[in-house]
Amino acid sequence: MKLDLLKRSWTDIVFEGRNKKYGAYELRTTNPMTTWRAFAIGAVIFAFLVSIPMLAKLIPESNDEDVNLDKKIVTVKLPPKEKPKENLPPPPPPPPKVDQVKFVKPVVAKAEEVVEEPPKIKEIVDKKLGAETIKGDPDAELTVEPVGNGPKDVVEEDNNIYNTAGIEVKPEFPGGMAKFYSYIQKNYQAPEEEGLNGKVFVSFVVEKDGSLTDIKVIRDIGYGTGKEAIRVLKNCPKWNPGEQNGKKVRVLYSLPINITTAN
């Protein structure tokens, strides 16, 4: 009997009574299949490498005509573009539909000083009068200027700044002044200075959309109190704007802000 270590029967004899789940038994049983598979893959790769020169011969090479064609396309020069002529006079207007006769204003002068006589009545019948004599074109289109609507009343926007004393409807913070001072109390950050007590007087303009602009500090008590008041007013919600003659207007508003810190 010929000894063949690659046969499965020989492998079963060797691993008889042993743990066949061990990796060596699996390697022995799958070794023939792995060997043939590796051989087949190697043969395919070898055949592909050997055939590379034959495949390269099948690829068409660029001929001289193609090279020359590329060179010709590259060296083509386009003619320079002509620049449009500038400062050209506008084209003459089309001739009118009716003949036009030049109107010469009558002037009292001596007979020898007359340079050009005014047209006679029979020469201006069914004709227009103008600054020069123009031959009409009966085939020309008759144009008529469109009828306008006449001048319209221009309403100028009122950007004047009114005072609260003479305004019909005064601007107001949404919810009233109590809500406004509550907003100031929640958002105003007083300086860290003990025993500080006083008023900061500010002024601002309530715009037509309710926003506050032109915020100024008329008088403060120092320690950055005025600067903090400007910051709070810039972030203030929009007010209800003032009104005059039924229209929203800009109104100047001024008020005090009480500042009190603990002793």
Protein backbone atom coordinates (compact mmCIF):
# COMPACT_ATOMS: atom_id res chain seq x y z
CA MET A 1 0.00 0.00 0.00
CA LYS A 2 1.36 3.34 -1.09
CA LEU A 3 1.69 5.89 1.71
CA ASP A 4 -0.07 9.21 0.88
CA LEU A 5 -0.02 11.69 3.71
CA LEU A 6 -2.47 14.00 1.90
CA LYS A 7 -5.37 11.53 1.87
CA ARG A 8 -8.19 12.06 4.34
CA SER A 9 -8.06 8.40 5.48
CA TRP A 10 -4.46 8.85 6.60
CA THR A 11 -5.42 12.00 8.46
CA ASP A 12 -8.28 10.22 10.25
CA ILE A 13 -5.86 7.47 11.33
CA VAL A 14 -3.41 10.01 12.73
CA PHE A 15 -6.11 11.92 14.65
CA GLU A 16 -8.06 8.88 15.74
CA GLY A 17 -8.99 9.20 19.40
CA ARG A 18 -7.78 12.79 19.48
CA ASN A 19 -9.51 16.14 19.51
CA LYS A 20 -10.44 16.70 15.85
CA LYS A 21 -11.69 20.18 16.63
CA TYR A 22 -8.08 21.15 17.06
CA GLY A 23 -6.76 23.42 14.27
CA ALA A 24 -4.24 20.91 12.93
CA TYR A 25 -6.95 18.46 11.87
CA GLU A 26 -8.81 21.22 10.01
CA LEU A 27 -5.63 22.29 8.23
CA ARG A 28 -4.85 18.69 7.18
CA THR A 29 -8.34 18.05 5.75
CA THR A 30 -8.56 21.36 3.82
CA ASN A 31 -4.95 21.37 2.61
CA PRO A 32 -5.59 19.65 -0.79
CA MET A 33 -8.39 22.04 -1.70
CA THR A 34 -6.34 25.07 -0.62
CA THR A 35 -3.35 23.83 -2.66
CA TRP A 36 -5.39 23.39 -5.86
CA ARG A 37 -7.10 26.76 -5.38
CA ALA A 38 -3.76 28.54 -4.94
CA PHE A 39 -2.42 26.77 -8.01
CA ALA A 40 -5.41 27.86 -10.12
CA ILE A 41 -5.15 31.50 -9.02
CA GLY A 42 -1.40 31.53 -9.65
CA ALA A 43 -1.93 30.06 -13.12
CA VAL A 44 -4.47 32.77 -14.02
CA ILE A 45 -2.15 35.55 -12.82
CA PHE A 46 0.79 34.03 -14.71
CA ALA A 47 -1.24 33.79 -17.91
CA PHE A 48 -2.34 37.44 -17.58
CA LEU A 49 1.25 38.65 -17.11
CA VAL A 50 2.41 36.64 -20.12
CA SER A 51 -0.37 38.11 -22.32
CA ILE A 52 0.36 41.77 -21.44
CA PRO A 53 2.69 42.31 -24.47
CA MET A 54 0.03 40.88 -26.80
CA LEU A 55 -2.65 43.15 -25.34
CA ALA A 56 -0.37 46.18 -25.71
CA LYS A 57 -0.04 45.47 -29.45
CA LEU A 58 -3.83 45.61 -29.82
CA ILE A 59 -4.01 49.23 -28.56
CA PRO A 60 -4.01 51.61 -31.58
CA GLU A 61 -1.15 54.09 -31.68
CA SER A 62 -1.58 57.74 -32.58
CA ASN A 63 -0.37 58.47 -36.09
CA ASP A 64 1.37 61.53 -37.44
CA GLU A 65 -1.87 62.89 -38.94
CA ASP A 66 -3.44 63.16 -35.51
CA VAL A 67 -0.38 64.96 -34.14
CA ASN A 68 -0.36 67.39 -37.05
CA LEU A 69 -4.08 67.96 -36.66
CA ASP A 70 -3.61 68.89 -33.00
CA LYS A 71 -0.84 71.30 -33.92
CA LYS A 72 -2.98 72.94 -36.57
CA ILE A 73 -5.86 73.47 -34.15
CA VAL A 74 -3.55 74.95 -31.52
CA THR A 75 -1.90 77.42 -33.91
CA VAL A 76 -5.12 78.85 -35.37
CA LYS A 77 -5.33 82.59 -34.74
CA LEU A 78 -8.65 84.38 -34.62
CA PRO A 79 -8.95 87.81 -36.23
CA PRO A 80 -9.03 90.68 -33.74
CA LYS A 81 -12.45 91.93 -32.79
CA GLU A 82 -13.35 95.36 -34.07
CA LYS A 83 -14.00 97.82 -31.31
CA PRO A 84 -17.32 99.66 -31.57
CA LYS A 85 -16.88 103.19 -32.73
CA GLU A 86 -17.40 105.76 -30.02
CA ASN A 87 -18.90 109.26 -30.09
CA LEU A 88 -20.96 108.53 -33.20
CA PRO A 89 -23.77 111.02 -33.92
CA PRO A 90 -27.28 109.67 -33.29
CA PRO A 91 -29.18 108.47 -36.36
CA PRO A 92 -31.48 111.08 -37.94
CA PRO A 93 -35.13 110.89 -36.90
CA PRO A 94 -37.56 109.31 -39.37
CA PRO A 95 -39.37 111.72 -41.68
CA PRO A 96 -42.83 112.88 -40.55
CA LYS A 97 -45.99 111.59 -42.20
CA VAL A 98 -46.93 115.15 -43.30
CA ASP A 99 -44.59 117.61 -45.01
CA GLN A 100 -43.05 120.14 -42.68
CA VAL A 101 -42.30 123.73 -43.73
CA LYS A 102 -39.69 125.84 -41.98
CA PHE A 103 -41.30 128.74 -40.15
CA VAL A 104 -39.45 132.04 -40.47
CA LYS A 105 -40.39 134.59 -37.86
CA PRO A 106 -41.46 137.86 -39.50
CA VAL A 107 -39.03 140.71 -38.82
CA VAL A 108 -39.43 144.35 -39.79
CA ALA A 109 -36.36 145.17 -41.92
CA LYS A 110 -35.30 146.85 -45.08
CA ALA A 111 -35.87 145.03 -48.36
CA GLU A 112 -32.14 144.64 -49.05
CA GLU A 113 -31.59 143.17 -45.57
CA VAL A 114 -34.14 140.37 -45.95
CA VAL A 115 -32.22 137.09 -45.98
CA GLU A 116 -35.10 134.58 -45.96
CA GLU A 117 -38.77 135.25 -46.61
CA PRO A 118 -41.47 133.58 -44.47
CA PRO A 119 -43.55 130.90 -46.21
CA LYS A 120 -46.70 131.89 -48.02
CA ILE A 121 -50.12 130.75 -46.83
CA LYS A 122 -50.63 128.37 -49.76
CA GLU A 123 -47.31 126.72 -48.95
CA ILE A 124 -48.34 125.80 -45.40
CA VAL A 125 -51.80 124.42 -46.17
CA ASP A 126 -52.06 120.82 -44.88
CA LYS A 127 -48.49 121.07 -43.62
CA LYS A 128 -46.80 121.37 -40.24
CA LEU A 129 -44.61 124.27 -39.12
CA GLY A 130 -41.20 123.55 -37.67
CA ALA A 131 -37.61 124.70 -37.35
CA GLU A 132 -36.68 123.32 -40.78
CA THR A 133 -38.21 122.12 -44.02
CA ILE A 134 -38.61 118.31 -44.15
CA LYS A 135 -40.17 116.20 -46.90
CA GLY A 136 -42.89 113.99 -45.39
CA ASP A 137 -43.29 110.24 -45.87
CA PRO A 138 -46.95 109.25 -46.47
CA ASP A 139 -46.14 105.64 -45.49
CA ALA A 140 -44.70 106.61 -42.11
CA GLU A 141 -46.49 105.44 -38.96
CA LEU A 142 -48.58 108.05 -37.24
CA THR A 143 -47.50 108.28 -33.60
CA VAL A 144 -49.45 109.98 -30.86
CA GLU A 145 -48.04 110.80 -27.45
CA PRO A 146 -49.85 108.91 -24.65
CA VAL A 147 -52.24 110.91 -22.53
CA GLY A 148 -50.79 111.61 -19.09
CA ASN A 149 -52.58 111.56 -15.77
CA GLY A 150 -51.55 115.06 -14.85
CA PRO A 151 -49.53 116.07 -11.81
CA LYS A 152 -50.18 114.16 -8.63
CA ASP A 153 -50.14 115.52 -5.14
CA VAL A 154 -46.82 114.60 -3.58
CA VAL A 155 -47.20 113.76 0.08
CA GLU A 156 -43.98 114.47 1.90
CA GLU A 157 -43.11 112.15 4.78
CA ASP A 158 -43.24 113.83 8.17
CA ASN A 159 -39.87 113.20 9.87
CA ASN A 160 -40.19 116.00 12.42
CA ILE A 161 -39.59 115.14 16.07
CA TYR A 162 -42.53 116.08 18.28
CA ASN A 163 -42.53 116.77 22.00
CA THR A 164 -44.78 114.80 24.33
CA ALA A 165 -46.40 118.02 25.54
CA GLY A 166 -48.18 118.81 22.23
CA ILE A 167 -48.72 115.35 20.77
CA GLU A 168 -52.22 113.94 20.31
CA VAL A 169 -51.33 110.32 21.13
CA LYS A 170 -48.24 109.92 23.31
CA PRO A 171 -45.93 106.94 22.81
CA GLU A 172 -46.24 104.26 25.46
CA PHE A 173 -44.43 101.12 26.54
CA PRO A 174 -46.57 97.98 25.99
CA GLY A 175 -48.49 97.48 29.22
CA GLY A 176 -47.87 101.00 30.55
CA MET A 177 -45.04 102.72 32.42
CA ALA A 178 -45.29 100.29 35.32
CA LYS A 179 -44.25 97.50 32.95
CA PHE A 180 -41.44 99.69 31.61
CA TYR A 181 -39.96 100.37 35.05
CA SER A 182 -40.31 96.67 35.84
CA TYR A 183 -38.26 95.95 32.72
CA ILE A 184 -35.63 98.49 33.86
CA GLN A 185 -35.48 96.95 37.35
CA LYS A 186 -34.96 93.42 35.98
CA ASN A 187 -32.30 94.33 33.41
CA TYR A 188 -30.41 97.27 34.94
CA GLN A 189 -27.16 96.21 36.60
CA ALA A 190 -26.29 98.74 39.28
CA PRO A 191 -22.59 99.40 40.05
CA GLU A 192 -20.97 97.67 43.02
CA GLU A 193 -20.86 100.83 45.08
CA GLU A 194 -22.37 100.87 48.56
CA GLY A 195 -24.79 103.61 49.53
CA LEU A 196 -25.30 104.88 45.96
CA ASN A 197 -28.58 106.78 45.68
CA GLY A 198 -29.73 109.11 42.89
CA LYS A 199 -31.44 109.49 39.51
CA VAL A 200 -30.16 109.08 35.98
CA PHE A 201 -32.01 111.34 33.51
CA VAL A 202 -32.17 110.01 29.93
CA SER A 203 -33.84 111.08 26.67
CA PHE A 204 -34.60 109.16 23.50
CA VAL A 205 -36.71 109.30 20.34
CA VAL A 206 -39.57 106.84 19.87
CA GLU A 207 -39.58 106.16 16.12
CA LYS A 208 -42.63 105.47 13.97
CA ASP A 209 -42.02 101.72 14.26
CA GLY A 210 -41.70 101.93 18.08
CA SER A 211 -37.92 101.49 18.25
CA LEU A 212 -35.79 103.76 20.46
CA THR A 213 -33.07 105.87 18.83
CA ASP A 214 -30.86 108.86 19.70
CA ILE A 215 -30.53 107.65 23.32
CA LYS A 216 -28.73 110.27 25.44
CA VAL A 217 -27.85 110.65 29.11
CA ILE A 218 -28.78 114.13 30.30
CA ARG A 219 -27.37 113.62 33.82
CA ASP A 220 -26.03 110.65 35.76
CA ILE A 221 -24.46 110.00 39.17
CA GLY A 222 -21.23 108.47 37.95
CA TYR A 223 -19.81 104.96 38.35
CA GLY A 224 -21.03 104.00 34.84
CA THR A 225 -24.72 104.46 35.67
CA GLY A 226 -25.41 106.44 32.48
CA LYS A 227 -23.64 103.92 30.25
CA GLU A 228 -25.66 101.09 31.77
CA ALA A 229 -28.89 103.00 31.17
CA ILE A 230 -28.04 103.37 27.47
CA ARG A 231 -27.35 99.63 27.21
CA VAL A 232 -30.70 98.71 28.76
CA LEU A 233 -32.64 101.13 26.55
CA LYS A 234 -30.97 99.84 23.37
CA ASN A 235 -32.26 96.35 24.18
CA CYS A 236 -35.70 97.63 25.16
CA PRO A 237 -38.78 96.14 23.38
CA LYS A 238 -40.54 98.39 20.88
CA TRP A 239 -43.00 100.98 22.18
CA ASN A 240 -46.39 101.93 20.81
CA PRO A 241 -45.48 104.99 18.65
CA GLY A 242 -47.06 108.42 19.04
CA GLU A 243 -49.61 109.82 16.58
CA GLN A 244 -50.43 113.27 15.24
CA ASN A 245 -53.33 113.96 12.85
CA GLY A 246 -53.97 110.25 12.55
CA LYS A 247 -50.39 109.44 11.42
CA LYS A 248 -47.50 107.90 13.31
CA VAL A 249 -44.75 110.40 14.12
CA ARG A 250 -41.40 110.55 15.89
CA VAL A 251 -41.61 111.71 19.51
CA LEU A 252 -38.90 112.86 21.92
CA TYR A 253 -39.25 111.23 25.35
CA SER A 254 -37.34 111.89 28.57
CA LEU A 255 -37.57 110.22 32.00
CA PRO A 256 -35.58 109.57 35.21
CA ILE A 257 -34.24 106.19 36.40
CA ASN A 258 -33.84 105.76 40.16
CA ILE A 259 -30.57 104.12 41.28
CA THR A 260 -30.28 102.77 44.82
CA THR A 261 -27.66 100.35 46.17
CA ALA A 262 -27.41 98.71 49.60
CA ASN A 263 -25.32 100.34 52.34
